[in-house]
Amino acid sequence: MARRIEILQRKKVFHRFVFRIDEVELQHERFDGSMGPPITRLVLERGDSVAVLPHDPVNRVVLLCEQFRLPTVAHGPGWLLEIPAGIVETGEDVEACARREMIEETGYSVDALDPIATVYLSPGGSSERVHIFRGGIALRADAPDTAGVESEGEDIRIIRMPVDEAIAKVRAGELLDAKTVVALQWLELALARGDLRSSQAF
């Protein structure tokens, strides 16, 4: 059953690069059926993004990207291990974006994309929704060790990590990126169920 929402006023209060903040005055239906009082919320409008877990099922390896993340410096390491990810451009298909980001951030292309989940990263303040996939790959001897779009300031080191080691890092709390944790936990469950055969080729 759809609940009622009334937008009383919406205005853009900040917009720079990919970040836009809207101030929204609204009312919404309460659980008792009544309309609540007007409230004001700030929304970081980020749109949709994608993330891909590059997985070689034959060699039981995943690829992770190590890169600098300024917002983590105050309470973390600054550099994080993550799966490749990026923002869906206007009019771009989600899977096309996933394939583009894979090439840009790892040098690998994927044809098969298995949907893992679509989740909100921080719904209390951001509209960003990330579509997470598993992408089947086959390790290549000529694959690059670093990647990224230089014009966007990306400096990415590509880490080839055994699946068991990556899962162990999740359990130990050593991987701090949410989308990466979700993807690797999904992979652990899929392997335990036998959904992904080690001999599966891509």
N, C-alpha and C. Protein backbone atom coordinates (compact mmCIF):
# COMPACT_ATOMS: atom_id res chain seq x y z
N MET A 1 0.84 -1.20 0.00
CA MET A 1 0.00 0.00 0.00
C MET A 1 0.88 1.26 0.00
N ALA A 2 0.64 2.12 -0.96
CA ALA A 2 1.45 3.34 -1.07
C ALA A 2 1.07 4.34 0.01
N ARG A 3 2.05 4.90 0.66
CA ARG A 3 1.81 5.93 1.66
C ARG A 3 1.94 7.31 1.03
N ARG A 4 1.27 8.29 1.63
CA ARG A 4 1.21 9.63 1.05
C ARG A 4 2.46 10.44 1.41
N ILE A 5 2.96 11.17 0.41
CA ILE A 5 4.06 12.11 0.59
C ILE A 5 3.67 13.39 -0.13
N GLU A 6 3.80 14.53 0.54
CA GLU A 6 3.52 15.82 -0.08
C GLU A 6 4.78 16.69 -0.02
N ILE A 7 5.31 17.01 -1.19
CA ILE A 7 6.48 17.90 -1.25
C ILE A 7 5.96 19.33 -1.26
N LEU A 8 6.26 20.08 -0.22
CA LEU A 8 5.78 21.45 -0.09
C LEU A 8 6.72 22.44 -0.80
N GLN A 9 8.01 22.16 -0.75
CA GLN A 9 8.98 23.04 -1.40
C GLN A 9 10.30 22.28 -1.59
N ARG A 10 10.93 22.49 -2.71
CA ARG A 10 12.24 21.87 -2.97
C ARG A 10 13.13 22.91 -3.64
N LYS A 11 14.31 23.11 -3.10
CA LYS A 11 15.24 24.07 -3.71
C LYS A 11 16.66 23.54 -3.65
N LYS A 12 17.41 23.84 -4.69
CA LYS A 12 18.82 23.44 -4.75
C LYS A 12 19.64 24.44 -3.95
N VAL A 13 20.41 23.95 -2.99
CA VAL A 13 21.21 24.84 -2.15
C VAL A 13 22.71 24.73 -2.44
N PHE A 14 23.11 23.68 -3.18
CA PHE A 14 24.52 23.51 -3.53
C PHE A 14 24.62 22.60 -4.74
N HIS A 15 25.53 22.94 -5.68
CA HIS A 15 25.77 22.07 -6.82
C HIS A 15 27.17 22.34 -7.35
N ARG A 16 28.03 21.31 -7.21
CA ARG A 16 29.39 21.42 -7.72
C ARG A 16 29.89 20.03 -8.08
N PHE A 17 30.44 19.90 -9.27
CA PHE A 17 30.89 18.60 -9.78
C PHE A 17 29.70 17.63 -9.77
N VAL A 18 29.89 16.45 -9.15
CA VAL A 18 28.80 15.46 -9.14
C VAL A 18 27.93 15.58 -7.89
N PHE A 19 28.18 16.57 -7.06
CA PHE A 19 27.44 16.70 -5.81
C PHE A 19 26.41 17.81 -5.90
N ARG A 20 25.16 17.47 -5.57
CA ARG A 20 24.09 18.45 -5.51
C ARG A 20 23.31 18.22 -4.23
N ILE A 21 23.05 19.28 -3.49
CA ILE A 21 22.28 19.18 -2.26
C ILE A 21 20.99 19.96 -2.43
N ASP A 22 19.87 19.29 -2.21
CA ASP A 22 18.55 19.91 -2.24
C ASP A 22 18.01 20.03 -0.82
N GLU A 23 17.33 21.13 -0.57
CA GLU A 23 16.60 21.31 0.69
C GLU A 23 15.12 21.08 0.39
N VAL A 24 14.52 20.14 1.09
CA VAL A 24 13.15 19.73 0.81
C VAL A 24 12.27 19.91 2.05
N GLU A 25 11.17 20.63 1.87
CA GLU A 25 10.15 20.71 2.92
C GLU A 25 9.01 19.79 2.51
N LEU A 26 8.59 18.92 3.40
CA LEU A 26 7.60 17.91 3.04
C LEU A 26 6.77 17.48 4.24
N GLN A 27 5.71 16.78 3.93
CA GLN A 27 4.93 16.04 4.92
C GLN A 27 4.78 14.61 4.41
N HIS A 28 4.76 13.65 5.35
CA HIS A 28 4.51 12.27 4.92
C HIS A 28 3.56 11.58 5.89
N GLU A 29 2.92 10.57 5.39
CA GLU A 29 1.95 9.81 6.18
C GLU A 29 2.67 9.05 7.30
N ARG A 30 2.06 9.10 8.49
CA ARG A 30 2.60 8.38 9.63
C ARG A 30 2.01 6.98 9.69
N PHE A 31 2.55 6.12 10.55
CA PHE A 31 2.08 4.75 10.61
C PHE A 31 0.65 4.64 11.13
N ASP A 32 0.16 5.68 11.83
CA ASP A 32 -1.23 5.64 12.29
C ASP A 32 -2.21 6.15 11.24
N GLY A 33 -1.70 6.51 10.05
CA GLY A 33 -2.57 6.96 8.96
C GLY A 33 -2.70 8.46 8.84
N SER A 34 -2.27 9.19 9.85
CA SER A 34 -2.36 10.66 9.81
C SER A 34 -1.17 11.23 9.05
N MET A 35 -1.31 12.50 8.62
CA MET A 35 -0.19 13.19 7.99
C MET A 35 0.64 13.86 9.07
N GLY A 36 1.95 13.68 9.01
CA GLY A 36 2.83 14.31 9.98
C GLY A 36 2.98 15.79 9.71
N PRO A 37 3.60 16.51 10.62
CA PRO A 37 3.82 17.94 10.44
C PRO A 37 4.88 18.18 9.36
N PRO A 38 4.95 19.40 8.83
CA PRO A 38 6.00 19.71 7.86
C PRO A 38 7.39 19.52 8.47
N ILE A 39 8.27 18.90 7.72
CA ILE A 39 9.65 18.72 8.15
C ILE A 39 10.57 19.14 7.00
N THR A 40 11.80 19.46 7.33
CA THR A 40 12.79 19.85 6.32
C THR A 40 13.94 18.87 6.34
N ARG A 41 14.32 18.43 5.17
CA ARG A 41 15.43 17.49 5.03
C ARG A 41 16.39 17.97 3.94
N LEU A 42 17.67 17.68 4.12
CA LEU A 42 18.68 17.91 3.09
C LEU A 42 18.96 16.58 2.40
N VAL A 43 19.03 16.61 1.07
CA VAL A 43 19.28 15.39 0.30
C VAL A 43 20.49 15.61 -0.60
N LEU A 44 21.49 14.74 -0.43
CA LEU A 44 22.61 14.73 -1.36
C LEU A 44 22.18 13.91 -2.57
N GLU A 45 21.96 14.61 -3.69
CA GLU A 45 21.49 13.96 -4.92
C GLU A 45 22.69 13.42 -5.69
N ARG A 46 22.86 12.12 -5.67
CA ARG A 46 24.00 11.50 -6.35
C ARG A 46 23.57 10.61 -7.51
N GLY A 47 22.28 10.29 -7.60
CA GLY A 47 21.84 9.42 -8.67
C GLY A 47 22.27 7.98 -8.46
N ASP A 48 22.29 7.21 -9.54
CA ASP A 48 22.63 5.80 -9.46
C ASP A 48 24.10 5.58 -9.76
N SER A 49 24.63 4.50 -9.19
CA SER A 49 25.99 4.08 -9.47
C SER A 49 26.01 2.57 -9.65
N VAL A 50 27.15 2.06 -10.09
CA VAL A 50 27.31 0.62 -10.26
C VAL A 50 28.60 0.18 -9.58
N ALA A 51 28.66 -1.12 -9.26
CA ALA A 51 29.87 -1.72 -8.73
C ALA A 51 29.93 -3.15 -9.24
N VAL A 52 31.15 -3.62 -9.52
CA VAL A 52 31.32 -4.96 -10.09
C VAL A 52 32.39 -5.71 -9.29
N LEU A 53 32.06 -6.93 -8.89
CA LEU A 53 33.03 -7.81 -8.27
C LEU A 53 33.67 -8.67 -9.37
N PRO A 54 34.91 -8.36 -9.79
CA PRO A 54 35.56 -9.16 -10.82
C PRO A 54 36.03 -10.48 -10.22
N HIS A 55 35.54 -11.60 -10.77
CA HIS A 55 35.78 -12.91 -10.16
C HIS A 55 36.22 -13.91 -11.23
N ASP A 56 37.38 -14.51 -11.00
CA ASP A 56 37.86 -15.60 -11.85
C ASP A 56 37.56 -16.90 -11.12
N PRO A 57 36.54 -17.64 -11.55
CA PRO A 57 36.14 -18.86 -10.82
C PRO A 57 37.11 -20.01 -11.01
N VAL A 58 37.89 -19.99 -12.08
CA VAL A 58 38.85 -21.07 -12.31
C VAL A 58 40.03 -20.96 -11.35
N ASN A 59 40.59 -19.76 -11.25
CA ASN A 59 41.73 -19.53 -10.36
C ASN A 59 41.32 -19.11 -8.96
N ARG A 60 40.02 -18.97 -8.72
CA ARG A 60 39.47 -18.57 -7.40
C ARG A 60 40.13 -17.27 -6.91
N VAL A 61 40.06 -16.27 -7.78
CA VAL A 61 40.66 -14.97 -7.49
C VAL A 61 39.64 -13.88 -7.76
N VAL A 62 39.70 -12.81 -6.97
CA VAL A 62 38.93 -11.60 -7.24
C VAL A 62 39.92 -10.45 -7.43
N LEU A 63 39.46 -9.42 -8.11
CA LEU A 63 40.26 -8.21 -8.27
C LEU A 63 39.69 -7.12 -7.37
N LEU A 64 40.57 -6.45 -6.66
CA LEU A 64 40.18 -5.31 -5.85
C LEU A 64 41.00 -4.11 -6.29
N CYS A 65 40.42 -2.93 -6.14
CA CYS A 65 41.08 -1.68 -6.51
C CYS A 65 41.49 -0.94 -5.25
N GLU A 66 42.76 -0.60 -5.15
CA GLU A 66 43.23 0.21 -4.03
C GLU A 66 43.39 1.64 -4.52
N GLN A 67 42.71 2.56 -3.81
CA GLN A 67 42.81 3.96 -4.22
C GLN A 67 42.57 4.88 -3.04
N PHE A 68 43.00 6.12 -3.19
CA PHE A 68 42.87 7.13 -2.14
C PHE A 68 41.44 7.64 -2.08
N ARG A 69 40.89 7.72 -0.86
CA ARG A 69 39.54 8.23 -0.62
C ARG A 69 39.59 9.28 0.48
N LEU A 70 39.55 10.55 0.11
CA LEU A 70 39.70 11.65 1.07
C LEU A 70 38.74 11.56 2.26
N PRO A 71 37.42 11.27 2.06
CA PRO A 71 36.52 11.26 3.21
C PRO A 71 36.89 10.25 4.30
N THR A 72 37.75 9.27 3.99
CA THR A 72 38.10 8.27 5.00
C THR A 72 39.31 8.68 5.84
N VAL A 73 39.95 9.78 5.50
CA VAL A 73 41.19 10.14 6.18
C VAL A 73 40.97 10.45 7.66
N ALA A 74 39.89 11.13 8.00
CA ALA A 74 39.66 11.55 9.39
C ALA A 74 39.51 10.37 10.34
N HIS A 75 38.88 9.29 9.87
CA HIS A 75 38.61 8.15 10.76
C HIS A 75 39.09 6.83 10.18
N GLY A 76 39.97 6.87 9.22
CA GLY A 76 40.39 5.62 8.59
C GLY A 76 41.74 5.75 7.91
N PRO A 77 42.00 4.84 6.97
CA PRO A 77 43.34 4.75 6.40
C PRO A 77 43.63 5.70 5.25
N GLY A 78 42.59 6.26 4.63
CA GLY A 78 42.82 7.10 3.44
C GLY A 78 42.77 6.29 2.16
N TRP A 79 43.48 5.17 2.12
CA TRP A 79 43.45 4.28 0.97
C TRP A 79 42.57 3.07 1.31
N LEU A 80 41.66 2.74 0.41
CA LEU A 80 40.74 1.61 0.63
C LEU A 80 40.89 0.58 -0.47
N LEU A 81 40.57 -0.67 -0.12
CA LEU A 81 40.40 -1.72 -1.10
C LEU A 81 38.92 -1.82 -1.43
N GLU A 82 38.60 -1.70 -2.72
CA GLU A 82 37.21 -1.70 -3.16
C GLU A 82 37.08 -2.51 -4.44
N ILE A 83 35.83 -2.84 -4.78
CA ILE A 83 35.56 -3.36 -6.11
C ILE A 83 35.37 -2.17 -7.05
N PRO A 84 35.60 -2.34 -8.35
CA PRO A 84 35.43 -1.24 -9.30
C PRO A 84 34.00 -0.69 -9.24
N ALA A 85 33.89 0.62 -9.36
CA ALA A 85 32.58 1.26 -9.26
C ALA A 85 32.60 2.62 -9.95
N GLY A 86 31.42 3.14 -10.23
CA GLY A 86 31.32 4.47 -10.83
C GLY A 86 29.88 4.92 -10.98
N ILE A 87 29.73 6.16 -11.35
CA ILE A 87 28.40 6.77 -11.46
C ILE A 87 27.82 6.50 -12.84
N VAL A 88 26.54 6.17 -12.87
CA VAL A 88 25.84 5.96 -14.13
C VAL A 88 25.59 7.33 -14.76
N GLU A 89 26.06 7.48 -16.00
CA GLU A 89 25.89 8.75 -16.68
C GLU A 89 24.47 8.90 -17.21
N THR A 90 24.03 10.12 -17.46
CA THR A 90 22.68 10.38 -17.94
C THR A 90 22.39 9.59 -19.22
N GLY A 91 21.32 8.81 -19.19
CA GLY A 91 20.93 8.02 -20.36
C GLY A 91 21.70 6.73 -20.53
N GLU A 92 22.64 6.44 -19.64
CA GLU A 92 23.46 5.24 -19.77
C GLU A 92 22.77 4.04 -19.14
N ASP A 93 22.85 2.91 -19.81
CA ASP A 93 22.33 1.66 -19.28
C ASP A 93 23.22 1.20 -18.12
N VAL A 94 22.60 0.64 -17.08
CA VAL A 94 23.34 0.25 -15.89
C VAL A 94 24.42 -0.79 -16.21
N GLU A 95 24.08 -1.80 -16.99
CA GLU A 95 25.07 -2.83 -17.32
C GLU A 95 26.17 -2.28 -18.22
N ALA A 96 25.82 -1.37 -19.11
CA ALA A 96 26.84 -0.74 -19.96
C ALA A 96 27.81 0.05 -19.09
N CYS A 97 27.28 0.72 -18.09
CA CYS A 97 28.14 1.47 -17.17
C CYS A 97 29.07 0.52 -16.41
N ALA A 98 28.53 -0.62 -15.98
CA ALA A 98 29.34 -1.60 -15.25
C ALA A 98 30.50 -2.08 -16.10
N ARG A 99 30.23 -2.37 -17.36
CA ARG A 99 31.30 -2.83 -18.27
C ARG A 99 32.34 -1.73 -18.51
N ARG A 100 31.86 -0.49 -18.65
CA ARG A 100 32.78 0.64 -18.87
C ARG A 100 33.70 0.83 -17.66
N GLU A 101 33.12 0.79 -16.47
CA GLU A 101 33.93 0.99 -15.27
C GLU A 101 34.94 -0.14 -15.09
N MET A 102 34.57 -1.37 -15.46
CA MET A 102 35.50 -2.49 -15.36
C MET A 102 36.74 -2.23 -16.22
N ILE A 103 36.52 -1.79 -17.45
CA ILE A 103 37.65 -1.53 -18.34
C ILE A 103 38.50 -0.37 -17.82
N GLU A 104 37.84 0.70 -17.38
CA GLU A 104 38.57 1.88 -16.91
C GLU A 104 39.39 1.59 -15.66
N GLU A 105 38.85 0.77 -14.75
CA GLU A 105 39.49 0.61 -13.45
C GLU A 105 40.30 -0.67 -13.29
N THR A 106 40.15 -1.63 -14.23
CA THR A 106 40.91 -2.87 -14.11
C THR A 106 41.60 -3.30 -15.41
N GLY A 107 41.14 -2.78 -16.55
CA GLY A 107 41.66 -3.24 -17.82
C GLY A 107 41.00 -4.51 -18.32
N TYR A 108 40.05 -5.04 -17.57
CA TYR A 108 39.35 -6.26 -17.96
C TYR A 108 37.96 -5.92 -18.50
N SER A 109 37.51 -6.69 -19.48
CA SER A 109 36.14 -6.58 -19.96
C SER A 109 35.36 -7.80 -19.50
N VAL A 110 34.07 -7.61 -19.29
CA VAL A 110 33.19 -8.72 -18.89
C VAL A 110 31.99 -8.75 -19.83
N ASP A 111 31.52 -9.94 -20.10
CA ASP A 111 30.28 -10.10 -20.85
C ASP A 111 29.15 -10.49 -19.91
N ALA A 112 29.40 -11.48 -19.06
CA ALA A 112 28.38 -11.97 -18.13
C ALA A 112 28.41 -11.14 -16.85
N LEU A 113 27.26 -10.60 -16.49
CA LEU A 113 27.11 -9.85 -15.23
C LEU A 113 25.98 -10.49 -14.43
N ASP A 114 26.30 -10.96 -13.24
CA ASP A 114 25.29 -11.55 -12.35
C ASP A 114 24.85 -10.50 -11.35
N PRO A 115 23.56 -10.15 -11.31
CA PRO A 115 23.10 -9.17 -10.32
C PRO A 115 23.27 -9.70 -8.90
N ILE A 116 23.82 -8.88 -8.03
CA ILE A 116 23.97 -9.23 -6.62
C ILE A 116 22.91 -8.53 -5.78
N ALA A 117 22.86 -7.21 -5.87
CA ALA A 117 21.90 -6.43 -5.07
C ALA A 117 21.86 -5.01 -5.58
N THR A 118 20.78 -4.32 -5.27
CA THR A 118 20.69 -2.88 -5.46
C THR A 118 20.36 -2.29 -4.10
N VAL A 119 21.25 -1.43 -3.61
CA VAL A 119 21.12 -0.93 -2.24
C VAL A 119 21.36 0.57 -2.18
N TYR A 120 20.76 1.20 -1.17
CA TYR A 120 21.05 2.59 -0.85
C TYR A 120 22.24 2.61 0.11
N LEU A 121 23.22 3.47 -0.16
CA LEU A 121 24.42 3.50 0.65
C LEU A 121 24.24 4.26 1.95
N SER A 122 23.48 5.34 1.91
CA SER A 122 23.26 6.15 3.11
C SER A 122 21.92 6.86 2.98
N PRO A 123 20.80 6.12 3.13
CA PRO A 123 19.48 6.68 2.81
C PRO A 123 19.01 7.79 3.73
N GLY A 124 19.70 7.99 4.84
CA GLY A 124 19.32 9.10 5.71
C GLY A 124 19.66 10.46 5.13
N GLY A 125 20.58 10.49 4.14
CA GLY A 125 20.97 11.78 3.60
C GLY A 125 21.29 11.81 2.12
N SER A 126 21.41 10.63 1.50
CA SER A 126 21.82 10.58 0.10
C SER A 126 20.86 9.74 -0.73
N SER A 127 20.65 10.18 -1.97
CA SER A 127 19.77 9.44 -2.88
C SER A 127 20.53 8.33 -3.60
N GLU A 128 21.85 8.24 -3.41
CA GLU A 128 22.64 7.30 -4.21
C GLU A 128 22.20 5.86 -4.00
N ARG A 129 22.00 5.19 -5.12
CA ARG A 129 21.62 3.78 -5.15
C ARG A 129 22.66 3.07 -6.00
N VAL A 130 23.24 2.00 -5.45
CA VAL A 130 24.29 1.30 -6.19
C VAL A 130 23.79 -0.08 -6.62
N HIS A 131 24.00 -0.37 -7.90
CA HIS A 131 23.67 -1.66 -8.48
C HIS A 131 24.95 -2.50 -8.47
N ILE A 132 24.95 -3.59 -7.71
CA ILE A 132 26.15 -4.40 -7.53
C ILE A 132 26.04 -5.67 -8.36
N PHE A 133 27.10 -5.99 -9.10
CA PHE A 133 27.14 -7.17 -9.95
C PHE A 133 28.38 -8.00 -9.65
N ARG A 134 28.32 -9.27 -10.02
CA ARG A 134 29.52 -10.10 -10.14
C ARG A 134 29.85 -10.19 -11.62
N GLY A 135 31.10 -9.96 -11.95
CA GLY A 135 31.53 -10.06 -13.34
C GLY A 135 32.54 -11.18 -13.50
N GLY A 136 32.25 -12.14 -14.35
CA GLY A 136 33.17 -13.24 -14.59
C GLY A 136 34.34 -12.79 -15.45
N ILE A 137 35.55 -13.12 -15.02
CA ILE A 137 36.75 -12.78 -15.78
C ILE A 137 37.67 -14.00 -15.84
N ALA A 138 38.67 -13.94 -16.70
CA ALA A 138 39.76 -14.91 -16.72
C ALA A 138 41.06 -14.12 -16.62
N LEU A 139 41.86 -14.40 -15.61
CA LEU A 139 43.09 -13.65 -15.40
C LEU A 139 43.98 -13.69 -16.64
N ARG A 140 44.62 -12.54 -16.94
CA ARG A 140 45.50 -12.43 -18.09
C ARG A 140 46.89 -12.01 -17.63
N ALA A 141 47.88 -12.60 -18.25
CA ALA A 141 49.27 -12.26 -17.91
C ALA A 141 49.61 -10.82 -18.30
N ASP A 142 48.91 -10.30 -19.33
CA ASP A 142 49.22 -8.96 -19.81
C ASP A 142 48.35 -7.88 -19.17
N ALA A 143 47.58 -8.25 -18.16
CA ALA A 143 46.69 -7.28 -17.54
C ALA A 143 47.50 -6.23 -16.77
N PRO A 144 47.03 -4.99 -16.72
CA PRO A 144 47.81 -3.94 -16.05
C PRO A 144 47.77 -4.08 -14.53
N ASP A 145 48.78 -3.52 -13.87
CA ASP A 145 48.83 -3.48 -12.41
C ASP A 145 48.22 -2.20 -11.86
N THR A 146 48.11 -1.18 -12.71
CA THR A 146 47.50 0.08 -12.32
C THR A 146 46.53 0.50 -13.42
N ALA A 147 45.57 1.33 -13.03
CA ALA A 147 44.56 1.77 -13.99
C ALA A 147 43.91 3.04 -13.47
N GLY A 148 42.85 3.46 -14.17
CA GLY A 148 42.12 4.66 -13.78
C GLY A 148 42.12 5.70 -14.88
N VAL A 149 41.15 6.60 -14.82
CA VAL A 149 41.04 7.68 -15.79
C VAL A 149 41.85 8.86 -15.26
N GLU A 150 42.96 9.15 -15.91
CA GLU A 150 43.89 10.17 -15.41
C GLU A 150 43.23 11.54 -15.33
N SER A 151 42.37 11.87 -16.30
CA SER A 151 41.72 13.18 -16.30
C SER A 151 40.77 13.35 -15.12
N GLU A 152 40.36 12.24 -14.50
CA GLU A 152 39.49 12.30 -13.33
C GLU A 152 40.27 12.16 -12.03
N GLY A 153 41.61 12.17 -12.14
CA GLY A 153 42.45 12.08 -10.96
C GLY A 153 42.52 10.69 -10.35
N GLU A 154 42.14 9.66 -11.12
CA GLU A 154 42.15 8.30 -10.59
C GLU A 154 43.56 7.71 -10.64
N ASP A 155 43.98 7.11 -9.56
CA ASP A 155 45.26 6.42 -9.46
C ASP A 155 44.97 5.12 -8.73
N ILE A 156 44.76 4.04 -9.48
CA ILE A 156 44.26 2.79 -8.93
C ILE A 156 45.32 1.70 -9.06
N ARG A 157 45.56 1.01 -7.96
CA ARG A 157 46.39 -0.19 -8.01
C ARG A 157 45.47 -1.40 -7.96
N ILE A 158 45.68 -2.34 -8.87
CA ILE A 158 44.83 -3.52 -8.98
C ILE A 158 45.44 -4.66 -8.17
N ILE A 159 44.67 -5.18 -7.25
CA ILE A 159 45.12 -6.25 -6.36
C ILE A 159 44.42 -7.55 -6.76
N ARG A 160 45.20 -8.56 -7.11
CA ARG A 160 44.66 -9.89 -7.38
C ARG A 160 44.69 -10.66 -6.07
N MET A 161 43.53 -11.07 -5.57
CA MET A 161 43.45 -11.66 -4.24
C MET A 161 42.67 -12.97 -4.29
N PRO A 162 43.21 -14.04 -3.70
CA PRO A 162 42.44 -15.28 -3.61
C PRO A 162 41.10 -15.05 -2.92
N VAL A 163 40.07 -15.73 -3.40
CA VAL A 163 38.73 -15.56 -2.84
C VAL A 163 38.73 -15.79 -1.33
N ASP A 164 39.38 -16.86 -0.88
CA ASP A 164 39.38 -17.18 0.55
C ASP A 164 40.02 -16.07 1.38
N GLU A 165 41.07 -15.46 0.84
CA GLU A 165 41.72 -14.35 1.55
C GLU A 165 40.81 -13.13 1.63
N ALA A 166 40.12 -12.83 0.53
CA ALA A 166 39.21 -11.68 0.52
C ALA A 166 38.08 -11.88 1.52
N ILE A 167 37.52 -13.09 1.55
CA ILE A 167 36.44 -13.38 2.50
C ILE A 167 36.95 -13.30 3.93
N ALA A 168 38.16 -13.79 4.17
CA ALA A 168 38.74 -13.71 5.50
C ALA A 168 38.93 -12.26 5.94
N LYS A 169 39.28 -11.38 4.99
CA LYS A 169 39.44 -9.97 5.32
C LYS A 169 38.09 -9.34 5.70
N VAL A 170 37.02 -9.78 5.04
CA VAL A 170 35.69 -9.29 5.41
C VAL A 170 35.38 -9.72 6.84
N ARG A 171 35.60 -10.99 7.16
CA ARG A 171 35.30 -11.50 8.50
C ARG A 171 36.12 -10.80 9.57
N ALA A 172 37.36 -10.43 9.21
CA ALA A 172 38.25 -9.77 10.18
C ALA A 172 38.00 -8.27 10.28
N GLY A 173 37.08 -7.75 9.48
CA GLY A 173 36.80 -6.32 9.50
C GLY A 173 37.86 -5.47 8.85
N GLU A 174 38.65 -6.08 7.95
CA GLU A 174 39.74 -5.35 7.31
C GLU A 174 39.33 -4.66 6.02
N LEU A 175 38.18 -5.01 5.46
CA LEU A 175 37.64 -4.32 4.29
C LEU A 175 36.53 -3.40 4.76
N LEU A 176 36.66 -2.11 4.47
CA LEU A 176 35.80 -1.10 5.06
C LEU A 176 34.77 -0.52 4.11
N ASP A 177 34.83 -0.91 2.85
CA ASP A 177 33.91 -0.36 1.86
C ASP A 177 32.64 -1.21 1.81
N ALA A 178 31.47 -0.58 1.98
CA ALA A 178 30.22 -1.32 2.12
C ALA A 178 29.87 -2.18 0.91
N LYS A 179 29.98 -1.61 -0.29
CA LYS A 179 29.60 -2.37 -1.48
C LYS A 179 30.50 -3.58 -1.69
N THR A 180 31.76 -3.45 -1.30
CA THR A 180 32.71 -4.54 -1.42
C THR A 180 32.37 -5.65 -0.43
N VAL A 181 32.02 -5.28 0.78
CA VAL A 181 31.61 -6.27 1.79
C VAL A 181 30.37 -7.02 1.33
N VAL A 182 29.37 -6.29 0.82
CA VAL A 182 28.14 -6.93 0.33
C VAL A 182 28.47 -7.92 -0.78
N ALA A 183 29.29 -7.51 -1.73
CA ALA A 183 29.61 -8.37 -2.88
C ALA A 183 30.35 -9.63 -2.45
N LEU A 184 31.31 -9.50 -1.54
CA LEU A 184 32.09 -10.66 -1.13
C LEU A 184 31.27 -11.60 -0.24
N GLN A 185 30.38 -11.06 0.56
CA GLN A 185 29.51 -11.94 1.35
C GLN A 185 28.56 -12.71 0.44
N TRP A 186 28.08 -12.04 -0.61
CA TRP A 186 27.24 -12.72 -1.60
C TRP A 186 28.03 -13.85 -2.27
N LEU A 187 29.29 -13.56 -2.63
CA LEU A 187 30.12 -14.57 -3.29
C LEU A 187 30.35 -15.76 -2.36
N GLU A 188 30.60 -15.50 -1.09
CA GLU A 188 30.81 -16.59 -0.14
C GLU A 188 29.58 -17.50 -0.08
N LEU A 189 28.40 -16.90 -0.01
CA LEU A 189 27.17 -17.69 0.04
C LEU A 189 26.93 -18.43 -1.27
N ALA A 190 27.19 -17.78 -2.39
CA ALA A 190 26.97 -18.42 -3.70
C ALA A 190 27.89 -19.62 -3.86
N LEU A 191 29.14 -19.51 -3.42
CA LEU A 191 30.07 -20.62 -3.52
C LEU A 191 29.67 -21.75 -2.59
N ALA A 192 29.20 -21.40 -1.39
CA ALA A 192 28.78 -22.43 -0.44
C ALA A 192 27.57 -23.22 -0.95
N ARG A 193 26.69 -22.52 -1.69
CA ARG A 193 25.51 -23.19 -2.25
C ARG A 193 25.85 -23.96 -3.51
N GLY A 194 27.03 -23.74 -4.06
CA GLY A 194 27.40 -24.39 -5.32
C GLY A 194 26.82 -23.71 -6.53
N ASP A 195 26.42 -22.44 -6.39
CA ASP A 195 25.84 -21.70 -7.51
C ASP A 195 26.88 -21.36 -8.56
N LEU A 196 28.14 -21.25 -8.17
CA LEU A 196 29.22 -20.88 -9.09
C LEU A 196 30.23 -22.01 -9.12
N ARG A 197 30.31 -22.69 -10.21
CA ARG A 197 31.22 -23.81 -10.36
C ARG A 197 32.64 -23.30 -10.66
N SER A 198 33.63 -23.90 -10.04
CA SER A 198 35.02 -23.45 -10.26
C SER A 198 35.47 -23.65 -11.69
N SER A 199 34.80 -24.57 -12.41
CA SER A 199 35.18 -24.82 -13.79
C SER A 199 34.44 -23.96 -14.79
N GLN A 200 33.56 -23.09 -14.26
CA GLN A 200 32.74 -22.25 -15.15
C GLN A 200 33.65 -21.30 -15.94
N ALA A 201 33.46 -21.23 -17.22
CA ALA A 201 34.30 -20.40 -18.07
C ALA A 201 33.54 -19.18 -18.54
N PHE A 202 34.29 -18.09 -18.80
CA PHE A 202 33.66 -16.85 -19.28
C PHE A 202 34.42 -16.36 -20.50
